[in-house]
Structure formats: structure tokens, C-alpha cells
Amino acid sequence: MRERYEQMSPERKNVLLLLYLLGFAILTAAMYVYPVLAFIMLFGYPSGAMLFGCLTGDAIRAFLAGTFSYVFLILLILLSPGFAMYPMDTAYLARFAGYHLILPLCLGLIGWMASKKESLPRILALPLAALWILLFLSGIS
């Protein structure tokens, strides 16, 4: 798969990245209607970043794929009616921003590590994905 990906033009690589992101946008929107998808997406975010990095070997696009796939979840949270019920003080917004900045950067790092040719970064991407799941679950209140 990596050989075929390397032969693609940059425009086709960008289209593949956009299709990947479109898939996460659709699944995130479906999560609003079917909350049971949240359990699947909990494992889908880190495994998607890992698979995109492993299959393409493109470090930059794998980082972008991991980072931007989570943005749709942040938008879903911000646009949901339940978010307006929380008090909007500065401390709460700082905690929200800090938490939701660490998670996409961690996903980007997972994709970047999985895209490397060496085996050590790929192996380290697995415990980082497990750490991402634990970090995500620790933020649910």
C-alpha cells in the first residue's frame, strides 16, 4: 500500500486525507443521533490515526489526519445544547481548551509515529493509543 501511495500525486494524497476526515465528520454527526457510536469512536480515533499512518507512511498527512479528525468532536460538543448549561467562567474554559488541545495533538503524534518505517515508533504508538483512550475517559464528567 505504501508503494502505491508514494506514486500518487499530491492532489490525490490530499483527496485521500479529505475522504478520511469526511468519514470522521459523518461518524461524529451520526454520534449525535446514535450515542452508541461513541463507544466505537472511542477506539476509532486512535486506531484510525494509526492505520492512516501505517498504510500511507506519510508523516505530515498522518499527523494532520489524527489531529483534524478530533476537531469534529469538539465542534459537536460546542454546538450541543447541553454545553450551554455549564457555567462559562474562565477556569472552566481554560480546562476545556487544555483538555481538548492535548487529545488531538496526541492523536497526531500517534499517526506520526505509526507512519515511520522503523519498528520502535510503531510499537510506541500502541501504548500511546491506550494512553489516549485513558485520557479521553478521564475527561468524562
N, C-alpha and C. Protein backbone atom coordinates (compact mmCIF):
# COMPACT_ATOMS: atom_id res chain seq x y z
N MET A 1 0.82 -1.19 0.00
CA MET A 1 0.00 0.00 0.00
C MET A 1 0.87 1.25 0.00
N ARG A 2 1.97 1.22 0.74
CA ARG A 2 2.85 2.39 0.80
C ARG A 2 3.44 2.72 -0.56
N GLU A 3 3.76 1.69 -1.32
CA GLU A 3 4.35 1.93 -2.64
C GLU A 3 3.35 2.62 -3.55
N ARG A 4 2.11 2.17 -3.52
CA ARG A 4 1.08 2.82 -4.34
C ARG A 4 0.83 4.24 -3.87
N TYR A 5 0.88 4.46 -2.57
CA TYR A 5 0.65 5.80 -2.03
C TYR A 5 1.77 6.75 -2.44
N GLU A 6 3.00 6.25 -2.43
CA GLU A 6 4.13 7.10 -2.80
C GLU A 6 4.09 7.51 -4.26
N GLN A 7 3.46 6.71 -5.10
CA GLN A 7 3.37 7.04 -6.52
C GLN A 7 2.23 8.01 -6.82
N MET A 8 1.36 8.25 -5.87
CA MET A 8 0.23 9.16 -6.09
C MET A 8 0.71 10.61 -6.19
N SER A 9 -0.06 11.40 -6.90
CA SER A 9 0.24 12.83 -6.97
C SER A 9 -0.18 13.48 -5.65
N PRO A 10 0.38 14.65 -5.34
CA PRO A 10 -0.01 15.33 -4.09
C PRO A 10 -1.50 15.65 -4.02
N GLU A 11 -2.12 15.91 -5.16
CA GLU A 11 -3.55 16.20 -5.15
C GLU A 11 -4.35 14.98 -4.72
N ARG A 12 -3.96 13.81 -5.20
CA ARG A 12 -4.67 12.58 -4.81
C ARG A 12 -4.43 12.25 -3.34
N LYS A 13 -3.23 12.55 -2.85
CA LYS A 13 -2.95 12.35 -1.43
C LYS A 13 -3.83 13.25 -0.58
N ASN A 14 -4.02 14.49 -1.02
CA ASN A 14 -4.87 15.41 -0.28
C ASN A 14 -6.33 14.97 -0.33
N VAL A 15 -6.76 14.43 -1.47
CA VAL A 15 -8.13 13.94 -1.57
C VAL A 15 -8.33 12.75 -0.63
N LEU A 16 -7.35 11.88 -0.53
CA LEU A 16 -7.44 10.75 0.40
C LEU A 16 -7.54 11.24 1.84
N LEU A 17 -6.78 12.26 2.19
CA LEU A 17 -6.85 12.83 3.53
C LEU A 17 -8.23 13.44 3.78
N LEU A 18 -8.77 14.14 2.80
CA LEU A 18 -10.09 14.75 2.96
C LEU A 18 -11.18 13.69 3.07
N LEU A 19 -11.05 12.59 2.35
CA LEU A 19 -12.03 11.50 2.48
C LEU A 19 -11.96 10.87 3.86
N TYR A 20 -10.75 10.73 4.38
CA TYR A 20 -10.57 10.21 5.73
C TYR A 20 -11.27 11.13 6.74
N LEU A 21 -11.05 12.44 6.58
CA LEU A 21 -11.66 13.40 7.50
C LEU A 21 -13.18 13.45 7.32
N LEU A 22 -13.65 13.29 6.09
CA LEU A 22 -15.08 13.28 5.84
C LEU A 22 -15.74 12.09 6.54
N GLY A 23 -15.07 10.96 6.54
CA GLY A 23 -15.59 9.79 7.25
C GLY A 23 -15.75 10.05 8.73
N PHE A 24 -14.77 10.71 9.34
CA PHE A 24 -14.89 11.03 10.76
C PHE A 24 -15.95 12.10 11.00
N ALA A 25 -16.13 13.03 10.06
CA ALA A 25 -17.17 14.04 10.21
C ALA A 25 -18.55 13.39 10.18
N ILE A 26 -18.74 12.45 9.29
CA ILE A 26 -20.03 11.76 9.18
C ILE A 26 -20.29 10.91 10.43
N LEU A 27 -19.27 10.20 10.90
CA LEU A 27 -19.45 9.38 12.10
C LEU A 27 -19.71 10.24 13.33
N THR A 28 -19.08 11.41 13.41
CA THR A 28 -19.31 12.30 14.54
C THR A 28 -20.73 12.85 14.50
N ALA A 29 -21.19 13.21 13.31
CA ALA A 29 -22.57 13.70 13.19
C ALA A 29 -23.57 12.59 13.53
N ALA A 30 -23.25 11.37 13.15
CA ALA A 30 -24.13 10.24 13.47
C ALA A 30 -24.12 9.95 14.97
N MET A 31 -23.03 10.30 15.64
CA MET A 31 -22.96 10.10 17.08
C MET A 31 -23.99 10.97 17.80
N TYR A 32 -24.33 12.11 17.22
CA TYR A 32 -25.34 12.98 17.83
C TYR A 32 -26.71 12.30 17.81
N VAL A 33 -26.98 11.52 16.76
CA VAL A 33 -28.27 10.83 16.65
C VAL A 33 -28.22 9.48 17.36
N TYR A 34 -27.12 8.75 17.19
CA TYR A 34 -26.95 7.43 17.79
C TYR A 34 -25.79 7.46 18.79
N PRO A 35 -26.06 7.76 20.04
CA PRO A 35 -24.98 7.89 21.03
C PRO A 35 -24.17 6.61 21.24
N VAL A 36 -24.70 5.46 20.83
CA VAL A 36 -23.97 4.21 20.99
C VAL A 36 -22.70 4.20 20.12
N LEU A 37 -22.67 5.01 19.09
CA LEU A 37 -21.48 5.10 18.25
C LEU A 37 -20.29 5.69 19.00
N ALA A 38 -20.55 6.37 20.10
CA ALA A 38 -19.45 6.97 20.87
C ALA A 38 -18.49 5.90 21.36
N PHE A 39 -19.00 4.75 21.72
CA PHE A 39 -18.12 3.67 22.18
C PHE A 39 -17.23 3.18 21.05
N ILE A 40 -17.79 3.08 19.85
CA ILE A 40 -16.99 2.66 18.69
C ILE A 40 -15.96 3.73 18.34
N MET A 41 -16.39 4.99 18.41
CA MET A 41 -15.48 6.08 18.06
C MET A 41 -14.37 6.24 19.09
N LEU A 42 -14.61 5.81 20.31
CA LEU A 42 -13.56 5.88 21.34
C LEU A 42 -12.32 5.13 20.88
N PHE A 43 -12.51 4.00 20.22
CA PHE A 43 -11.39 3.24 19.69
C PHE A 43 -11.08 3.63 18.25
N GLY A 44 -12.05 4.26 17.58
CA GLY A 44 -11.86 4.64 16.18
C GLY A 44 -10.88 5.77 15.98
N TYR A 45 -10.84 6.71 16.90
CA TYR A 45 -9.91 7.84 16.73
C TYR A 45 -8.44 7.39 16.75
N PRO A 46 -7.98 6.69 17.79
CA PRO A 46 -6.56 6.30 17.76
C PRO A 46 -6.24 5.23 16.72
N SER A 47 -7.17 4.29 16.50
CA SER A 47 -6.88 3.26 15.50
C SER A 47 -6.92 3.83 14.10
N GLY A 48 -7.78 4.81 13.85
CA GLY A 48 -7.80 5.46 12.54
C GLY A 48 -6.51 6.21 12.26
N ALA A 49 -6.02 6.93 13.25
CA ALA A 49 -4.75 7.65 13.07
C ALA A 49 -3.61 6.67 12.85
N MET A 50 -3.64 5.57 13.60
CA MET A 50 -2.58 4.56 13.43
C MET A 50 -2.63 3.91 12.06
N LEU A 51 -3.82 3.54 11.62
CA LEU A 51 -3.95 2.91 10.31
C LEU A 51 -3.58 3.86 9.17
N PHE A 52 -3.99 5.12 9.28
CA PHE A 52 -3.63 6.07 8.23
C PHE A 52 -2.11 6.23 8.16
N GLY A 53 -1.46 6.31 9.31
CA GLY A 53 0.00 6.43 9.32
C GLY A 53 0.69 5.18 8.81
N CYS A 54 0.22 4.02 9.24
CA CYS A 54 0.85 2.75 8.80
C CYS A 54 0.68 2.51 7.31
N LEU A 55 -0.52 2.75 6.81
CA LEU A 55 -0.80 2.44 5.41
C LEU A 55 -0.16 3.43 4.45
N THR A 56 -0.10 4.70 4.84
CA THR A 56 0.44 5.70 3.91
C THR A 56 1.92 5.94 4.09
N GLY A 57 2.40 5.94 5.31
CA GLY A 57 3.80 6.26 5.56
C GLY A 57 4.11 7.74 5.40
N ASP A 58 3.10 8.56 5.27
CA ASP A 58 3.25 10.00 5.11
C ASP A 58 3.12 10.64 6.48
N ALA A 59 4.23 11.09 7.03
CA ALA A 59 4.24 11.58 8.41
C ALA A 59 3.42 12.85 8.58
N ILE A 60 3.52 13.76 7.64
CA ILE A 60 2.82 15.04 7.79
C ILE A 60 1.31 14.84 7.68
N ARG A 61 0.87 14.13 6.66
CA ARG A 61 -0.57 13.92 6.49
C ARG A 61 -1.13 13.00 7.59
N ALA A 62 -0.33 12.09 8.10
CA ALA A 62 -0.80 11.25 9.21
C ALA A 62 -1.00 12.09 10.47
N PHE A 63 -0.11 13.04 10.71
CA PHE A 63 -0.28 13.94 11.85
C PHE A 63 -1.53 14.79 11.67
N LEU A 64 -1.73 15.32 10.46
CA LEU A 64 -2.91 16.13 10.19
C LEU A 64 -4.19 15.31 10.28
N ALA A 65 -4.15 14.07 9.80
CA ALA A 65 -5.32 13.20 9.86
C ALA A 65 -5.71 12.93 11.31
N GLY A 66 -4.74 12.62 12.14
CA GLY A 66 -5.04 12.37 13.54
C GLY A 66 -5.55 13.60 14.26
N THR A 67 -4.94 14.75 13.98
CA THR A 67 -5.31 15.98 14.67
C THR A 67 -6.68 16.48 14.24
N PHE A 68 -6.91 16.55 12.94
CA PHE A 68 -8.15 17.14 12.45
C PHE A 68 -9.35 16.21 12.56
N SER A 69 -9.12 14.91 12.73
CA SER A 69 -10.27 14.02 12.90
C SER A 69 -11.00 14.30 14.21
N TYR A 70 -10.28 14.79 15.20
CA TYR A 70 -10.88 15.07 16.51
C TYR A 70 -11.62 16.40 16.53
N VAL A 71 -11.31 17.29 15.60
CA VAL A 71 -11.93 18.61 15.57
C VAL A 71 -13.45 18.51 15.44
N PHE A 72 -13.91 17.53 14.71
CA PHE A 72 -15.36 17.39 14.53
C PHE A 72 -16.06 17.06 15.85
N LEU A 73 -15.39 16.32 16.72
CA LEU A 73 -15.97 16.02 18.02
C LEU A 73 -16.04 17.29 18.87
N ILE A 74 -15.02 18.12 18.80
CA ILE A 74 -15.03 19.38 19.54
C ILE A 74 -16.18 20.27 19.05
N LEU A 75 -16.37 20.32 17.73
CA LEU A 75 -17.48 21.10 17.19
C LEU A 75 -18.83 20.55 17.65
N LEU A 76 -18.95 19.24 17.70
CA LEU A 76 -20.19 18.62 18.18
C LEU A 76 -20.46 19.00 19.63
N ILE A 77 -19.41 19.02 20.44
CA ILE A 77 -19.58 19.39 21.85
C ILE A 77 -19.97 20.86 21.97
N LEU A 78 -19.30 21.72 21.24
CA LEU A 78 -19.58 23.15 21.35
C LEU A 78 -20.97 23.52 20.83
N LEU A 79 -21.46 22.81 19.84
CA LEU A 79 -22.75 23.13 19.25
C LEU A 79 -23.92 22.40 19.92
N SER A 80 -23.62 21.51 20.85
CA SER A 80 -24.70 20.77 21.50
C SER A 80 -25.41 21.67 22.52
N PRO A 81 -26.70 21.46 22.71
CA PRO A 81 -27.44 22.31 23.66
C PRO A 81 -27.00 22.12 25.11
N GLY A 82 -26.48 20.96 25.44
CA GLY A 82 -26.05 20.71 26.81
C GLY A 82 -24.82 21.48 27.23
N PHE A 83 -24.02 21.93 26.26
CA PHE A 83 -22.80 22.67 26.59
C PHE A 83 -23.14 24.04 27.17
N ALA A 84 -24.24 24.63 26.76
CA ALA A 84 -24.62 25.96 27.23
C ALA A 84 -25.08 25.94 28.68
N MET A 85 -25.38 24.78 29.24
CA MET A 85 -25.85 24.71 30.62
C MET A 85 -24.71 24.87 31.62
N TYR A 86 -23.47 24.64 31.20
CA TYR A 86 -22.35 24.76 32.12
C TYR A 86 -22.00 26.23 32.33
N PRO A 87 -21.55 26.59 33.53
CA PRO A 87 -21.15 27.98 33.73
C PRO A 87 -19.89 28.29 32.92
N MET A 88 -19.91 29.38 32.22
CA MET A 88 -18.81 29.73 31.32
C MET A 88 -17.82 30.67 32.01
N ASP A 89 -17.22 30.22 33.09
CA ASP A 89 -16.18 31.04 33.69
C ASP A 89 -14.84 30.74 33.04
N THR A 90 -13.87 31.55 33.32
CA THR A 90 -12.57 31.45 32.67
C THR A 90 -11.86 30.14 33.01
N ALA A 91 -11.98 29.70 34.25
CA ALA A 91 -11.31 28.46 34.66
C ALA A 91 -11.87 27.25 33.90
N TYR A 92 -13.20 27.22 33.74
CA TYR A 92 -13.81 26.09 33.02
C TYR A 92 -13.38 26.10 31.55
N LEU A 93 -13.39 27.26 30.93
CA LEU A 93 -12.99 27.33 29.52
C LEU A 93 -11.51 26.98 29.34
N ALA A 94 -10.68 27.36 30.30
CA ALA A 94 -9.25 27.01 30.21
C ALA A 94 -9.06 25.50 30.34
N ARG A 95 -9.78 24.86 31.26
CA ARG A 95 -9.69 23.40 31.40
C ARG A 95 -10.21 22.71 30.15
N PHE A 96 -11.32 23.20 29.61
CA PHE A 96 -11.90 22.62 28.39
C PHE A 96 -10.92 22.74 27.23
N ALA A 97 -10.34 23.91 27.06
CA ALA A 97 -9.39 24.13 25.95
C ALA A 97 -8.14 23.29 26.13
N GLY A 98 -7.61 23.23 27.33
CA GLY A 98 -6.41 22.45 27.58
C GLY A 98 -6.62 20.97 27.32
N TYR A 99 -7.74 20.46 27.81
CA TYR A 99 -8.05 19.05 27.62
C TYR A 99 -8.24 18.72 26.15
N HIS A 100 -8.96 19.58 25.44
CA HIS A 100 -9.26 19.30 24.04
C HIS A 100 -8.16 19.78 23.10
N LEU A 101 -7.07 20.29 23.62
CA LEU A 101 -5.88 20.52 22.80
C LEU A 101 -4.90 19.37 22.93
N ILE A 102 -4.86 18.77 24.11
CA ILE A 102 -3.94 17.64 24.34
C ILE A 102 -4.39 16.42 23.54
N LEU A 103 -5.69 16.15 23.52
CA LEU A 103 -6.18 14.94 22.84
C LEU A 103 -5.91 14.94 21.34
N PRO A 104 -6.20 16.00 20.57
CA PRO A 104 -5.89 15.93 19.14
C PRO A 104 -4.40 15.91 18.85
N LEU A 105 -3.61 16.60 19.67
CA LEU A 105 -2.16 16.55 19.45
C LEU A 105 -1.61 15.15 19.72
N CYS A 106 -2.19 14.48 20.70
CA CYS A 106 -1.80 13.09 20.98
C CYS A 106 -2.19 12.18 19.81
N LEU A 107 -3.37 12.42 19.22
CA LEU A 107 -3.78 11.64 18.05
C LEU A 107 -2.84 11.89 16.87
N GLY A 108 -2.45 13.13 16.69
CA GLY A 108 -1.50 13.45 15.62
C GLY A 108 -0.17 12.75 15.84
N LEU A 109 0.26 12.71 17.09
CA LEU A 109 1.52 12.03 17.42
C LEU A 109 1.41 10.53 17.17
N ILE A 110 0.25 9.96 17.44
CA ILE A 110 0.03 8.53 17.15
C ILE A 110 0.16 8.28 15.65
N GLY A 111 -0.48 9.12 14.84
CA GLY A 111 -0.39 8.96 13.38
C GLY A 111 1.03 9.16 12.88
N TRP A 112 1.72 10.14 13.43
CA TRP A 112 3.10 10.42 13.02
C TRP A 112 4.02 9.25 13.37
N MET A 113 3.86 8.71 14.58
CA MET A 113 4.71 7.60 14.99
C MET A 113 4.41 6.34 14.18
N ALA A 114 3.15 6.13 13.84
CA ALA A 114 2.78 4.94 13.06
C ALA A 114 3.26 5.03 11.62
N SER A 115 3.54 6.24 11.13
CA SER A 115 3.96 6.39 9.75
C SER A 115 5.45 6.13 9.54
N LYS A 116 6.19 6.00 10.59
CA LYS A 116 7.64 5.79 10.47
C LYS A 116 7.94 4.37 9.97
N LYS A 117 9.10 4.24 9.31
CA LYS A 117 9.50 2.92 8.79
C LYS A 117 10.12 2.04 9.87
N GLU A 118 10.70 2.67 10.87
CA GLU A 118 11.32 1.89 11.95
C GLU A 118 10.24 1.24 12.81
N SER A 119 10.60 0.19 13.48
CA SER A 119 9.59 -0.53 14.26
C SER A 119 9.38 0.08 15.65
N LEU A 120 10.38 0.74 16.21
CA LEU A 120 10.23 1.28 17.56
C LEU A 120 9.14 2.35 17.64
N PRO A 121 9.10 3.36 16.74
CA PRO A 121 7.99 4.32 16.84
C PRO A 121 6.62 3.68 16.62
N ARG A 122 6.56 2.68 15.76
CA ARG A 122 5.27 1.99 15.55
C ARG A 122 4.84 1.26 16.80
N ILE A 123 5.78 0.64 17.47
CA ILE A 123 5.46 -0.08 18.70
C ILE A 123 5.03 0.90 19.79
N LEU A 124 5.69 2.06 19.86
CA LEU A 124 5.35 3.05 20.87
C LEU A 124 4.01 3.74 20.58
N ALA A 125 3.53 3.66 19.35
CA ALA A 125 2.23 4.24 19.03
C ALA A 125 1.10 3.47 19.70
N LEU A 126 1.28 2.18 19.94
CA LEU A 126 0.24 1.37 20.59
C LEU A 126 -0.02 1.78 22.04
N PRO A 127 1.02 1.89 22.90
CA PRO A 127 0.73 2.35 24.26
C PRO A 127 0.26 3.80 24.30
N LEU A 128 0.70 4.60 23.34
CA LEU A 128 0.22 5.98 23.28
C LEU A 128 -1.28 6.01 22.93
N ALA A 129 -1.73 5.09 22.09
CA ALA A 129 -3.16 4.99 21.78
C ALA A 129 -3.94 4.57 23.02
N ALA A 130 -3.40 3.64 23.79
CA ALA A 130 -4.06 3.24 25.04
C ALA A 130 -4.10 4.40 26.02
N LEU A 131 -3.02 5.17 26.07
CA LEU A 131 -2.99 6.35 26.94
C LEU A 131 -4.01 7.38 26.48
N TRP A 132 -4.20 7.53 25.18
CA TRP A 132 -5.20 8.46 24.66
C TRP A 132 -6.60 8.04 25.10
N ILE A 133 -6.88 6.75 25.05
CA ILE A 133 -8.20 6.27 25.48
C ILE A 133 -8.41 6.56 26.97
N LEU A 134 -7.38 6.34 27.78
CA LEU A 134 -7.49 6.62 29.21
C LEU A 134 -7.66 8.11 29.47
N LEU A 135 -6.92 8.94 28.72
CA LEU A 135 -7.08 10.40 28.87
C LEU A 135 -8.48 10.84 28.47
N PHE A 136 -8.99 10.26 27.40
CA PHE A 136 -10.34 10.62 26.95
C PHE A 136 -11.36 10.24 28.01
N LEU A 137 -11.24 9.05 28.56
CA LEU A 137 -12.20 8.60 29.57
C LEU A 137 -12.07 9.38 30.86
N SER A 138 -10.87 9.87 31.18
CA SER A 138 -10.70 10.65 32.41
C SER A 138 -11.38 12.01 32.32
N GLY A 139 -11.65 12.50 31.13
CA GLY A 139 -12.28 13.80 30.99
C GLY A 139 -13.79 13.77 30.98
N ILE A 140 -14.38 12.60 31.03
CA ILE A 140 -15.84 12.49 31.03
C ILE A 140 -16.34 12.78 32.45
N SER A 141 -17.21 13.76 32.55
CA SER A 141 -17.74 14.09 33.87
C SER A 141 -19.26 14.11 33.86
